[in-house]
PDB file of all heavy atoms in Angstrom:
ATOM      1  N   ARG A   1       0.903  -1.219  -0.015  1.00  0.00           N
ATOM      2  CA  ARG A   1      -0.029  -0.007  -0.042  1.00  0.00           C
ATOM      3  C   ARG A   1       0.886   1.272  -0.040  1.00  0.00           C
ATOM      4  O   ARG A   1       0.561   2.255  -0.619  1.00  0.00           O
ATOM      5  CB  ARG A   1      -0.923  -0.072   1.216  1.00  0.00           C
ATOM      6  CG  ARG A   1      -2.119  -0.849   1.145  1.00  0.00           C
ATOM      7  CD  ARG A   1      -3.040  -0.779   2.306  1.00  0.00           C
ATOM      8  NE  ARG A   1      -4.179  -1.675   2.308  1.00  0.00           N
ATOM      9  CZ  ARG A   1      -5.421  -1.410   1.817  1.00  0.00           C
ATOM     10  NH1 ARG A   1      -5.499  -0.270   1.079  1.00  0.00           N
ATOM     11  NH2 ARG A   1      -6.368  -2.178   1.886  1.00  0.00           N
ATOM     12  N   ARG A   2       1.992   1.143   0.638  1.00  0.00           N
ATOM     13  CA  ARG A   2       2.858   2.324   0.758  1.00  0.00           C
ATOM     14  C   ARG A   2       3.676   2.496  -0.597  1.00  0.00           C
ATOM     15  O   ARG A   2       3.882   3.619  -1.025  1.00  0.00           O
ATOM     16  CB  ARG A   2       3.953   2.164   1.803  1.00  0.00           C
ATOM     17  CG  ARG A   2       3.471   2.365   3.235  1.00  0.00           C
ATOM     18  CD  ARG A   2       4.548   2.698   4.243  1.00  0.00           C
ATOM     19  NE  ARG A   2       5.611   1.733   4.167  1.00  0.00           N
ATOM     20  CZ  ARG A   2       5.711   0.579   4.835  1.00  0.00           C
ATOM     21  NH1 ARG A   2       4.818   0.369   5.840  1.00  0.00           N
ATOM     22  NH2 ARG A   2       6.698  -0.305   4.847  1.00  0.00           N
ATOM     23  N   ALA A   3       4.012   1.440  -1.259  1.00  0.00           N
ATOM     24  CA  ALA A   3       4.838   1.471  -2.428  1.00  0.00           C
ATOM     25  C   ALA A   3       3.986   1.772  -3.642  1.00  0.00           C
ATOM     26  O   ALA A   3       4.403   2.420  -4.581  1.00  0.00           O
ATOM     27  CB  ALA A   3       5.484   0.165  -2.659  1.00  0.00           C
ATOM     28  N   ILE A   4       2.743   1.338  -3.730  1.00  0.00           N
ATOM     29  CA  ILE A   4       1.787   1.444  -4.875  1.00  0.00           C
ATOM     30  C   ILE A   4       0.529   2.284  -4.321  1.00  0.00           C
ATOM     31  O   ILE A   4      -0.201   1.800  -3.609  1.00  0.00           O
ATOM     32  CB  ILE A   4       1.394   0.183  -5.412  1.00  0.00           C
ATOM     33  CG1 ILE A   4       2.672  -0.693  -5.729  1.00  0.00           C
ATOM     34  CG2 ILE A   4       0.449   0.277  -6.636  1.00  0.00           C
ATOM     35  CD1 ILE A   4       2.378  -2.064  -6.201  1.00  0.00           C
ATOM     36  N   THR A   5       0.402   3.515  -4.936  1.00  0.00           N
ATOM     37  CA  THR A   5      -0.690   4.300  -4.365  1.00  0.00           C
ATOM     38  C   THR A   5      -2.077   3.817  -4.927  1.00  0.00           C
ATOM     39  O   THR A   5      -3.075   4.164  -4.136  1.00  0.00           O
ATOM     40  CB  THR A   5      -0.474   5.776  -4.855  1.00  0.00           C
ATOM     41  OG1 THR A   5      -0.364   5.825  -6.263  1.00  0.00           O
ATOM     42  CG2 THR A   5       0.705   6.378  -4.234  1.00  0.00           C
ATOM     43  N   ASN A   6      -2.160   3.216  -5.954  1.00  0.00           N
ATOM     44  CA  ASN A   6      -3.391   2.629  -6.492  1.00  0.00           C
ATOM     45  C   ASN A   6      -3.698   1.340  -5.696  1.00  0.00           C
ATOM     46  O   ASN A   6      -3.021   0.309  -5.864  1.00  0.00           O
ATOM     47  CB  ASN A   6      -3.259   2.362  -7.964  1.00  0.00           C
ATOM     48  CG  ASN A   6      -4.593   1.891  -8.500  1.00  0.00           C
ATOM     49  OD1 ASN A   6      -5.122   0.838  -8.198  1.00  0.00           O
ATOM     50  ND2 ASN A   6      -5.266   2.699  -9.422  1.00  0.00           N
ATOM     51  N   ALA A   7      -4.863   1.307  -4.913  1.00  0.00           N
ATOM     52  CA  ALA A   7      -5.075   0.158  -4.036  1.00  0.00           C
ATOM     53  C   ALA A   7      -5.373  -1.102  -4.905  1.00  0.00           C
ATOM     54  O   ALA A   7      -4.938  -2.185  -4.510  1.00  0.00           O
ATOM     55  CB  ALA A   7      -6.209   0.528  -3.122  1.00  0.00           C
ATOM     56  N   ARG A   8      -6.008  -0.945  -5.970  1.00  0.00           N
ATOM     57  CA  ARG A   8      -6.379  -2.045  -6.754  1.00  0.00           C
ATOM     58  C   ARG A   8      -5.093  -2.759  -7.360  1.00  0.00           C
ATOM     59  O   ARG A   8      -4.961  -3.944  -7.325  1.00  0.00           O
ATOM     60  CB  ARG A   8      -7.409  -1.712  -7.902  1.00  0.00           C
ATOM     61  CG  ARG A   8      -7.739  -2.952  -8.679  1.00  0.00           C
ATOM     62  CD  ARG A   8      -8.853  -2.734  -9.737  1.00  0.00           C
ATOM     63  NE  ARG A   8     -10.170  -2.445  -9.049  1.00  0.00           N
ATOM     64  CZ  ARG A   8     -11.347  -2.483  -9.699  1.00  0.00           C
ATOM     65  NH1 ARG A   8     -11.336  -2.662 -11.029  1.00  0.00           N
ATOM     66  NH2 ARG A   8     -12.438  -2.297  -9.118  1.00  0.00           N
ATOM     67  N   ALA A   9      -4.210  -1.874  -7.857  1.00  0.00           N
ATOM     68  CA  ALA A   9      -2.862  -2.374  -8.421  1.00  0.00           C
ATOM     69  C   ALA A   9      -2.134  -3.102  -7.320  1.00  0.00           C
ATOM     70  O   ALA A   9      -1.384  -4.102  -7.584  1.00  0.00           O
ATOM     71  CB  ALA A   9      -2.139  -1.191  -9.040  1.00  0.00           C
ATOM     72  N   ALA A  10      -2.141  -2.405  -6.173  1.00  0.00           N
ATOM     73  CA  ALA A  10      -1.357  -3.024  -5.034  1.00  0.00           C
ATOM     74  C   ALA A  10      -1.927  -4.409  -4.715  1.00  0.00           C
ATOM     75  O   ALA A  10      -1.174  -5.285  -4.363  1.00  0.00           O
ATOM     76  CB  ALA A  10      -1.373  -2.126  -3.791  1.00  0.00           C
ATOM     77  N   GLY A  11      -3.204  -4.576  -4.704  1.00  0.00           N
ATOM     78  CA  GLY A  11      -3.865  -5.842  -4.405  1.00  0.00           C
ATOM     79  C   GLY A  11      -3.519  -6.917  -5.526  1.00  0.00           C
ATOM     80  O   GLY A  11      -3.352  -8.059  -5.133  1.00  0.00           O
ATOM     81  N   ILE A  12      -3.403  -6.433  -6.722  1.00  0.00           N
ATOM     82  CA  ILE A  12      -3.009  -7.433  -7.753  1.00  0.00           C
ATOM     83  C   ILE A  12      -1.651  -7.903  -7.568  1.00  0.00           C
ATOM     84  O   ILE A  12      -1.306  -9.068  -7.749  1.00  0.00           O
ATOM     85  CB  ILE A  12      -3.161  -6.571  -9.181  1.00  0.00           C
ATOM     86  CG1 ILE A  12      -4.629  -6.424  -9.428  1.00  0.00           C
ATOM     87  CG2 ILE A  12      -2.517  -7.463 -10.295  1.00  0.00           C
ATOM     88  CD1 ILE A  12      -4.887  -5.582 -10.714  1.00  0.00           C
ATOM     89  N   VAL A  13      -0.731  -7.019  -7.225  1.00  0.00           N
ATOM     90  CA  VAL A  13       0.698  -7.456  -6.935  1.00  0.00           C
ATOM     91  C   VAL A  13       0.753  -8.303  -5.760  1.00  0.00           C
ATOM     92  O   VAL A  13       1.494  -9.291  -5.843  1.00  0.00           O
ATOM     93  CB  VAL A  13       1.527  -6.111  -6.617  1.00  0.00           C
ATOM     94  CG1 VAL A  13       2.922  -6.547  -6.209  1.00  0.00           C
ATOM     95  CG2 VAL A  13       1.604  -5.219  -7.927  1.00  0.00           C
ATOM     96  N   ALA A  14      -0.067  -8.103  -4.822  1.00  0.00           N
ATOM     97  CA  ALA A  14      -0.185  -8.942  -3.566  1.00  0.00           C
ATOM     98  C   ALA A  14      -0.532 -10.367  -4.023  1.00  0.00           C
ATOM     99  O   ALA A  14       0.082 -11.446  -3.625  1.00  0.00           O
ATOM    100  CB  ALA A  14      -1.152  -8.427  -2.636  1.00  0.00           C
ATOM    101  N   VAL A  15      -1.565 -10.481  -4.927  1.00  0.00           N
ATOM    102  CA  VAL A  15      -1.962 -11.777  -5.374  1.00  0.00           C
ATOM    103  C   VAL A  15      -0.827 -12.524  -6.185  1.00  0.00           C
ATOM    104  O   VAL A  15      -0.630 -13.709  -5.960  1.00  0.00           O
ATOM    105  CB  VAL A  15      -3.289 -11.619  -6.264  1.00  0.00           C
ATOM    106  CG1 VAL A  15      -3.548 -12.963  -7.030  1.00  0.00           C
ATOM    107  CG2 VAL A  15      -4.433 -11.258  -5.486  1.00  0.00           C
ATOM    108  N   LEU A  16      -0.248 -11.779  -7.096  1.00  0.00           N
ATOM    109  CA  LEU A  16       0.862 -12.305  -7.886  1.00  0.00           C
ATOM    110  C   LEU A  16       2.009 -12.778  -6.955  1.00  0.00           C
ATOM    111  O   LEU A  16       2.560 -13.916  -7.206  1.00  0.00           O
ATOM    112  CB  LEU A  16       1.312 -11.330  -8.901  1.00  0.00           C
ATOM    113  CG  LEU A  16       0.289 -10.972 -10.004  1.00  0.00           C
ATOM    114  CD1 LEU A  16       0.944  -9.823 -10.836  1.00  0.00           C
ATOM    115  CD2 LEU A  16      -0.063 -12.113 -10.787  1.00  0.00           C
ATOM    116  N   ALA A  17       2.331 -11.985  -5.960  1.00  0.00           N
ATOM    117  CA  ALA A  17       3.514 -12.288  -5.135  1.00  0.00           C
ATOM    118  C   ALA A  17       3.177 -13.563  -4.291  1.00  0.00           C
ATOM    119  O   ALA A  17       4.083 -14.451  -4.163  1.00  0.00           O
ATOM    120  CB  ALA A  17       3.719 -11.186  -4.202  1.00  0.00           C
ATOM    121  N   VAL A  18       1.917 -13.645  -3.793  1.00  0.00           N
ATOM    122  CA  VAL A  18       1.543 -14.853  -2.967  1.00  0.00           C
ATOM    123  C   VAL A  18       1.547 -16.120  -3.821  1.00  0.00           C
ATOM    124  O   VAL A  18       2.052 -17.204  -3.413  1.00  0.00           O
ATOM    125  CB  VAL A  18       0.211 -14.634  -2.154  1.00  0.00           C
ATOM    126  CG1 VAL A  18      -0.280 -15.888  -1.592  1.00  0.00           C
ATOM    127  CG2 VAL A  18       0.369 -13.577  -1.233  1.00  0.00           C
ATOM    128  N   LEU A  19       0.889 -16.016  -4.938  1.00  0.00           N
ATOM    129  CA  LEU A  19       0.867 -17.167  -5.796  1.00  0.00           C
ATOM    130  C   LEU A  19       2.214 -17.667  -6.311  1.00  0.00           C
ATOM    131  O   LEU A  19       2.536 -18.878  -6.317  1.00  0.00           O
ATOM    132  CB  LEU A  19      -0.023 -16.882  -7.021  1.00  0.00           C
ATOM    133  CG  LEU A  19      -1.476 -16.672  -6.720  1.00  0.00           C
ATOM    134  CD1 LEU A  19      -2.331 -16.522  -8.018  1.00  0.00           C
ATOM    135  CD2 LEU A  19      -2.106 -17.849  -6.069  1.00  0.00           C
ATOM    136  N   ALA A  20       3.047 -16.705  -6.703  1.00  0.00           N
ATOM    137  CA  ALA A  20       4.379 -17.105  -7.105  1.00  0.00           C
ATOM    138  C   ALA A  20       5.201 -17.722  -6.124  1.00  0.00           C
ATOM    139  O   ALA A  20       5.988 -18.651  -6.300  1.00  0.00           O
ATOM    140  CB  ALA A  20       5.067 -15.796  -7.738  1.00  0.00           C
ATOM    141  N   SER A  21       5.113 -17.020  -4.869  1.00  0.00           N
ATOM    142  CA  SER A  21       5.951 -17.658  -3.730  1.00  0.00           C
ATOM    143  C   SER A  21       5.366 -19.030  -3.304  1.00  0.00           C
ATOM    144  O   SER A  21       6.183 -19.985  -3.066  1.00  0.00           O
ATOM    145  CB  SER A  21       5.777 -16.708  -2.541  1.00  0.00           C
ATOM    146  OG  SER A  21       6.320 -15.375  -2.895  1.00  0.00           O
ATOM    147  N   THR A  22       4.078 -19.160  -3.314  1.00  0.00           N
ATOM    148  CA  THR A  22       3.495 -20.455  -2.940  1.00  0.00           C
ATOM    149  C   THR A  22       3.979 -21.549  -3.910  1.00  0.00           C
ATOM    150  O   THR A  22       4.388 -22.628  -3.569  1.00  0.00           O
ATOM    151  CB  THR A  22       2.031 -20.469  -2.874  1.00  0.00           C
ATOM    152  OG1 THR A  22       1.590 -19.509  -1.881  1.00  0.00           O
ATOM    153  CG2 THR A  22       1.347 -21.819  -2.575  1.00  0.00           C
ATOM    154  N   GLY A  23       3.731 -21.357  -5.165  1.00  0.00           N
ATOM    155  CA  GLY A  23       4.180 -22.254  -6.190  1.00  0.00           C
ATOM    156  C   GLY A  23       5.570 -22.572  -6.204  1.00  0.00           C
ATOM    157  O   GLY A  23       5.968 -23.746  -6.352  1.00  0.00           O
ATOM    158  N   PHE A  24       6.439 -21.586  -6.118  1.00  0.00           N
ATOM    159  CA  PHE A  24       7.865 -21.783  -6.071  1.00  0.00           C
ATOM    160  C   PHE A  24       8.343 -22.710  -4.890  1.00  0.00           C
ATOM    161  O   PHE A  24       9.170 -23.516  -4.942  1.00  0.00           O
ATOM    162  CB  PHE A  24       8.674 -20.490  -5.997  1.00  0.00           C
ATOM    163  CG  PHE A  24      10.174 -20.630  -5.933  1.00  0.00           C
ATOM    164  CD1 PHE A  24      10.915 -20.999  -6.907  1.00  0.00           C
ATOM    165  CD2 PHE A  24      10.786 -20.326  -4.557  1.00  0.00           C
ATOM    166  CE1 PHE A  24      12.265 -21.102  -6.844  1.00  0.00           C
ATOM    167  CE2 PHE A  24      12.151 -20.496  -4.591  1.00  0.00           C
ATOM    168  CZ  PHE A  24      12.960 -20.903  -5.682  1.00  0.00           C
ATOM    169  N   VAL A  25       7.827 -22.277  -3.679  1.00  0.00           N
ATOM    170  CA  VAL A  25       8.260 -23.029  -2.412  1.00  0.00           C
ATOM    171  C   VAL A  25       7.715 -24.484  -2.577  1.00  0.00           C
ATOM    172  O   VAL A  25       8.497 -25.448  -2.194  1.00  0.00           O
ATOM    173  CB  VAL A  25       7.636 -22.341  -1.140  1.00  0.00           C
ATOM    174  CG1 VAL A  25       7.928 -23.174   0.047  1.00  0.00           C
ATOM    175  CG2 VAL A  25       8.296 -20.982  -0.996  1.00  0.00           C
ATOM    176  N   ALA A  26       6.477 -24.680  -2.912  1.00  0.00           N
ATOM    177  CA  ALA A  26       5.980 -26.046  -3.037  1.00  0.00           C
ATOM    178  C   ALA A  26       6.737 -26.825  -3.994  1.00  0.00           C
ATOM    179  O   ALA A  26       7.061 -28.027  -3.780  1.00  0.00           O
ATOM    180  CB  ALA A  26       4.528 -25.980  -3.364  1.00  0.00           C
ATOM    181  N   PHE A  27       6.935 -26.375  -5.251  1.00  0.00           N
ATOM    182  CA  PHE A  27       7.719 -27.088  -6.219  1.00  0.00           C
ATOM    183  C   PHE A  27       9.153 -27.387  -5.769  1.00  0.00           C
ATOM    184  O   PHE A  27       9.618 -28.481  -5.991  1.00  0.00           O
ATOM    185  CB  PHE A  27       7.763 -26.227  -7.488  1.00  0.00           C
ATOM    186  CG  PHE A  27       8.479 -26.909  -8.619  1.00  0.00           C
ATOM    187  CD1 PHE A  27       7.892 -27.799  -9.444  1.00  0.00           C
ATOM    188  CD2 PHE A  27       9.853 -26.576  -8.876  1.00  0.00           C
ATOM    189  CE1 PHE A  27       8.571 -28.486 -10.424  1.00  0.00           C
ATOM    190  CE2 PHE A  27      10.563 -27.145  -9.982  1.00  0.00           C
ATOM    191  CZ  PHE A  27       9.875 -28.133 -10.687  1.00  0.00           C
ATOM    192  N   SER A  28       9.829 -26.399  -5.157  1.00  0.00           N
ATOM    193  CA  SER A  28      11.205 -26.584  -4.686  1.00  0.00           C
ATOM    194  C   SER A  28      11.299 -27.687  -3.620  1.00  0.00           C
ATOM    195  O   SER A  28      12.132 -28.530  -3.635  1.00  0.00           O
ATOM    196  CB  SER A  28      11.735 -25.241  -4.210  1.00  0.00           C
ATOM    197  OG  SER A  28      11.750 -24.271  -5.210  1.00  0.00           O
ATOM    198  N   MET A  29      10.347 -27.709  -2.706  1.00  0.00           N
ATOM    199  CA  MET A  29      10.342 -28.649  -1.594  1.00  0.00           C
ATOM    200  C   MET A  29      10.157 -30.027  -2.126  1.00  0.00           C
ATOM    201  O   MET A  29      10.853 -31.064  -1.798  1.00  0.00           O
ATOM    202  CB  MET A  29       9.225 -28.356  -0.597  1.00  0.00           C
ATOM    203  CG  MET A  29       9.432 -27.152   0.216  1.00  0.00           C
ATOM    204  SD  MET A  29       8.005 -26.763   1.298  1.00  0.00           S
ATOM    205  CE  MET A  29       7.905 -28.222   2.317  1.00  0.00           C
ATOM    206  N   ILE A  30       9.214 -30.237  -3.046  1.00  0.00           N
ATOM    207  CA  ILE A  30       8.959 -31.587  -3.685  1.00  0.00           C
ATOM    208  C   ILE A  30      10.159 -31.987  -4.535  1.00  0.00           C
ATOM    209  O   ILE A  30      10.522 -33.212  -4.494  1.00  0.00           O
ATOM    210  CB  ILE A  30       7.667 -31.581  -4.517  1.00  0.00           C
ATOM    211  CG1 ILE A  30       6.451 -31.272  -3.486  1.00  0.00           C
ATOM    212  CG2 ILE A  30       7.415 -32.880  -5.252  1.00  0.00           C
ATOM    213  CD1 ILE A  30       5.183 -30.930  -4.268  1.00  0.00           C
ATOM    214  N   ALA A  31      10.690 -31.017  -5.296  1.00  0.00           N
ATOM    215  CA  ALA A  31      11.837 -31.379  -6.241  1.00  0.00           C
ATOM    216  C   ALA A  31      13.073 -31.905  -5.288  1.00  0.00           C
ATOM    217  O   ALA A  31      13.733 -32.790  -5.605  1.00  0.00           O
ATOM    218  CB  ALA A  31      12.217 -30.202  -7.006  1.00  0.00           C
ATOM    219  N   ALA A  32      13.342 -31.179  -4.151  1.00  0.00           N
ATOM    220  CA  ALA A  32      14.370 -31.488  -3.296  1.00  0.00           C
ATOM    221  C   ALA A  32      14.174 -32.840  -2.620  1.00  0.00           C
ATOM    222  O   ALA A  32      15.061 -33.684  -2.554  1.00  0.00           O
ATOM    223  CB  ALA A  32      14.533 -30.437  -2.166  1.00  0.00           C
ATOM    224  N   ALA A  33      12.996 -33.054  -2.137  1.00  0.00           N
ATOM    225  CA  ALA A  33      12.625 -34.457  -1.566  1.00  0.00           C
ATOM    226  C   ALA A  33      12.808 -35.517  -2.551  1.00  0.00           C
ATOM    227  O   ALA A  33      13.326 -36.598  -2.270  1.00  0.00           O
ATOM    228  CB  ALA A  33      11.238 -34.319  -0.920  1.00  0.00           C
ATOM    229  N   SER A  34      12.352 -35.303  -3.822  1.00  0.00           N
ATOM    230  CA  SER A  34      12.374 -36.360  -4.846  1.00  0.00           C
ATOM    231  C   SER A  34      13.818 -36.525  -5.237  1.00  0.00           C
ATOM    232  O   SER A  34      14.169 -37.706  -5.622  1.00  0.00           O
ATOM    233  CB  SER A  34      11.629 -35.837  -6.001  1.00  0.00           C
ATOM    234  OG  SER A  34      10.243 -35.733  -5.715  1.00  0.00           O
ATOM    235  N   ALA A  35      14.649 -35.503  -5.253  1.00  0.00           N
ATOM    236  CA  ALA A  35      16.193 -35.779  -5.495  1.00  0.00           C
ATOM    237  C   ALA A  35      16.793 -36.650  -4.541  1.00  0.00           C
ATOM    238  O   ALA A  35      17.673 -37.341  -4.806  1.00  0.00           O
ATOM    239  CB  ALA A  35      16.757 -34.427  -5.608  1.00  0.00           C
ATOM    240  N   LEU A  36      16.381 -36.556  -3.163  1.00  0.00           N
ATOM    241  CA  LEU A  36      16.869 -37.460  -2.217  1.00  0.00           C
ATOM    242  C   LEU A  36      16.513 -38.875  -2.419  1.00  0.00           C
ATOM    243  O   LEU A  36      17.279 -39.829  -2.450  1.00  0.00           O
ATOM    244  CB  LEU A  36      16.387 -37.015  -0.867  1.00  0.00           C
ATOM    245  CG  LEU A  36      16.973 -35.682  -0.382  1.00  0.00           C
ATOM    246  CD1 LEU A  36      16.301 -35.297   0.989  1.00  0.00           C
ATOM    247  CD2 LEU A  36      18.555 -35.834  -0.116  1.00  0.00           C
ATOM    248  N   HIS A  37      15.149 -39.056  -2.712  1.00  0.00           N
ATOM    249  CA  HIS A  37      14.631 -40.383  -3.071  1.00  0.00           C
ATOM    250  C   HIS A  37      13.231 -40.175  -3.586  1.00  0.00           C
ATOM    251  O   HIS A  37      12.393 -39.350  -2.956  1.00  0.00           O
ATOM    252  CB  HIS A  37      14.576 -41.231  -1.831  1.00  0.00           C
ATOM    253  CG  HIS A  37      14.428 -42.740  -2.178  1.00  0.00           C
ATOM    254  ND1 HIS A  37      13.238 -43.285  -2.481  1.00  0.00           N
ATOM    255  CD2 HIS A  37      15.277 -43.704  -2.177  1.00  0.00           C
ATOM    256  CE1 HIS A  37      13.260 -44.541  -2.700  1.00  0.00           C
ATOM    257  NE2 HIS A  37      14.611 -44.932  -2.521  1.00  0.00           N
ATOM    258  N   PRO A  38      12.820 -40.963  -4.586  1.00  0.00           N
ATOM    259  CA  PRO A  38      11.369 -40.859  -5.101  1.00  0.00           C
ATOM    260  C   PRO A  38      10.320 -40.948  -4.014  1.00  0.00           C
ATOM    261  O   PRO A  38       9.323 -40.346  -4.077  1.00  0.00           O
ATOM    262  CB  PRO A  38      11.293 -41.890  -6.148  1.00  0.00           C
ATOM    263  CG  PRO A  38      12.696 -42.002  -6.535  1.00  0.00           C
ATOM    264  CD  PRO A  38      13.606 -41.876  -5.334  1.00  0.00           C
TER     265      PRO A  38
END
């Protein structure tokens, strides 16, 4: 909200950031576990 004055745009960035982080962390965790053993 401080960085982006347009509230709707700030909310869109929040959605993108949460989805990107969730997908990256989940994929990385599973990839790392699978690399140890299927």
